C-alpha atoms as a PDB file:
ATOM      1  CA  GLN A   1       4.770  -1.300  12.910  1.00  0.00           C
ATOM      2  CA  ALA A   2       2.176  -3.837  11.818  1.00  0.00           C
ATOM      3  CA  ILE A   3      -0.081  -5.500  14.363  1.00  0.00           C
ATOM      4  CA  ASP A   4       0.083  -8.812  12.475  1.00  0.00           C
ATOM      5  CA  ASP A   5       3.809  -9.398  13.093  1.00  0.00           C
ATOM      6  CA  ASP A   6       4.669  -7.999   9.616  1.00  0.00           C
ATOM      7  CA  CYS A   7       3.017 -11.002   7.916  1.00  0.00           C
ATOM      8  CA  ASN A   8       0.649  -8.929   5.723  1.00  0.00           C
ATOM      9  CA  GLN A   9      -2.430 -10.677   7.101  1.00  0.00           C
ATOM     10  CA  THR A  10      -4.541  -7.755   8.295  1.00  0.00           C
ATOM     11  CA  GLY A  11      -5.108  -6.078   4.914  1.00  0.00           C
ATOM     12  CA  GLN A  12      -5.873  -9.345   3.145  1.00  0.00           C
ATOM     13  CA  LEU A  13      -8.297 -10.499   5.853  1.00  0.00           C
ATOM     14  CA  LEU A  14     -10.050  -7.127   5.854  1.00  0.00           C
ATOM     15  CA  ALA A  15     -10.436  -7.197   2.058  1.00  0.00           C
ATOM     16  CA  ALA A  16     -11.853 -10.723   2.232  1.00  0.00           C
ATOM     17  CA  MET A  17     -14.352  -9.808   4.968  1.00  0.00           C
ATOM     18  CA  LEU A  18     -15.507  -6.694   3.088  1.00  0.00           C
ATOM     19  CA  ASP A  19     -15.441  -8.483  -0.293  1.00  0.00           C
ATOM     20  CA  TRP A  20     -13.385  -5.592  -1.711  1.00  0.00           C
ATOM     21  CA  PRO A  21     -10.467  -5.818  -4.151  1.00  0.00           C
ATOM     22  CA  GLN A  22      -7.001  -5.614  -2.633  1.00  0.00           C
ATOM     23  CA  GLY A  23      -3.612  -4.284  -3.641  1.00  0.00           C
ATOM     24  CA  THR A  24      -0.804  -5.440  -1.377  1.00  0.00           C
ATOM     25  CA  PHE A  25       2.753  -4.115  -0.993  1.00  0.00           C
ATOM     26  CA  ALA A  26       1.938  -0.934  -2.943  1.00  0.00           C
ATOM     27  CA  SER A  27       5.045   1.060  -3.871  1.00  0.00           C
ATOM     28  CA  ARG A  28       3.127   3.616  -5.990  1.00  0.00           C
ATOM     29  CA  VAL A  29      -0.546   4.643  -5.916  1.00  0.00           C
ATOM     30  CA  GLU A  30      -2.455   6.818  -8.410  1.00  0.00           C
ATOM     31  CA  LEU A  31      -6.151   7.660  -8.221  1.00  0.00           C
ATOM     32  CA  GLU A  32      -8.180   7.441 -11.415  1.00  0.00           C
ATOM     33  CA  ASP A  33     -11.873   7.935 -12.145  1.00  0.00           C
ATOM     34  CA  GLY A  34     -13.548   5.486  -9.740  1.00  0.00           C
ATOM     35  CA  ALA A  35     -10.440   3.318  -9.531  1.00  0.00           C
ATOM     36  CA  VAL A  36      -6.907   3.203  -8.208  1.00  0.00           C
ATOM     37  CA  ARG A  37      -3.753   2.143 -10.044  1.00  0.00           C
ATOM     38  CA  VAL A  38      -1.315   0.298  -7.783  1.00  0.00           C
ATOM     39  CA  GLU A  39       2.273  -0.503  -8.683  1.00  0.00           C
ATOM     40  CA  ARG A  40       4.042  -3.193  -6.679  1.00  0.00           C
ATOM     41  CA  GLU A  41       7.349  -5.012  -6.822  1.00  0.00           C
ATOM     42  CA  VAL A  42       7.293  -8.734  -7.551  1.00  0.00           C
ATOM     43  CA  ASP A  43      10.113 -11.220  -8.147  1.00  0.00           C
ATOM     44  CA  GLY A  44      10.075 -10.600 -11.912  1.00  0.00           C
ATOM     45  CA  GLY A  45      10.031  -6.778 -11.725  1.00  0.00           C
ATOM     46  CA  LEU A  46       7.018  -4.474 -11.381  1.00  0.00           C
ATOM     47  CA  GLU A  47       3.339  -5.374 -11.514  1.00  0.00           C
ATOM     48  CA  THR A  48       0.607  -2.790 -12.112  1.00  0.00           C
ATOM     49  CA  LEU A  49      -2.946  -3.395 -10.906  1.00  0.00           C
ATOM     50  CA  ARG A  50      -6.077  -1.357 -11.576  1.00  0.00           C
ATOM     51  CA  LEU A  51      -8.651  -1.808  -8.818  1.00  0.00           C
ATOM     52  CA  ARG A  52     -12.174  -0.439  -8.609  1.00  0.00           C
ATOM     53  CA  LEU A  53     -12.955   1.595  -5.515  1.00  0.00           C
ATOM     54  CA  PRO A  54     -13.529   0.977  -2.675  1.00  0.00           C
ATOM     55  CA  ALA A  55     -10.435  -1.178  -2.232  1.00  0.00           C
ATOM     56  CA  VAL A  56      -8.028  -2.187   0.521  1.00  0.00           C
ATOM     57  CA  LEU A  57      -4.367  -1.238   0.008  1.00  0.00           C
ATOM     58  CA  THR A  58      -1.311  -2.202   2.008  1.00  0.00           C
ATOM     59  CA  ALA A  59       1.900  -0.214   1.675  1.00  0.00           C
ATOM     60  CA  ASP A  60       5.472  -1.162   0.906  1.00  0.00           C
ATOM     61  CA  LEU A  61       8.363   0.752   2.455  1.00  0.00           C
ATOM     62  CA  ARG A  62       9.028   2.452  -0.908  1.00  0.00           C
ATOM     63  CA  LEU A  63       5.585   4.103  -1.035  1.00  0.00           C
ATOM     64  CA  ASN A  64       6.815   7.190   0.785  1.00  0.00           C
ATOM     65  CA  GLU A  65      10.157   8.903   1.153  1.00  0.00           C
ATOM     66  CA  PRO A  66      10.663   9.706   4.843  1.00  0.00           C
ATOM     67  CA  ARG A  67      11.485  13.222   5.958  1.00  0.00           C
ATOM     68  CA  TYR A  68      14.123  13.508   8.636  1.00  0.00           C
ATOM     69  CA  ALA A  69      13.868  16.205  11.260  1.00  0.00           C
ATOM     70  CA  THR A  70      16.724  18.683  11.426  1.00  0.00           C
ATOM     71  CA  LEU A  71      18.215  19.618  14.768  1.00  0.00           C
ATOM     72  CA  PRO A  72      16.748  23.179  14.808  1.00  0.00           C
ATOM     73  CA  ASN A  73      13.252  21.731  14.257  1.00  0.00           C
ATOM     74  CA  ILE A  74      13.633  19.353  17.198  1.00  0.00           C
ATOM     75  CA  MET A  75      14.672  22.017  19.727  1.00  0.00           C
END
């Protein structure tokens, strides 16, 4: 749960204060040599960004596939 009421403010403010590049709503992240490739969903489809490191990233729900605990693992 986000501390900024799910308004995506914290990552953008942090990137601005640090003067670092930002990639918001990342649904896929790949590290490259000294950079990161971020894929995000926009209204027209997918957008791919290449950001130099260090950078601030915020995650979309599709970044990770959740694992659900089975009953034997809970007991």
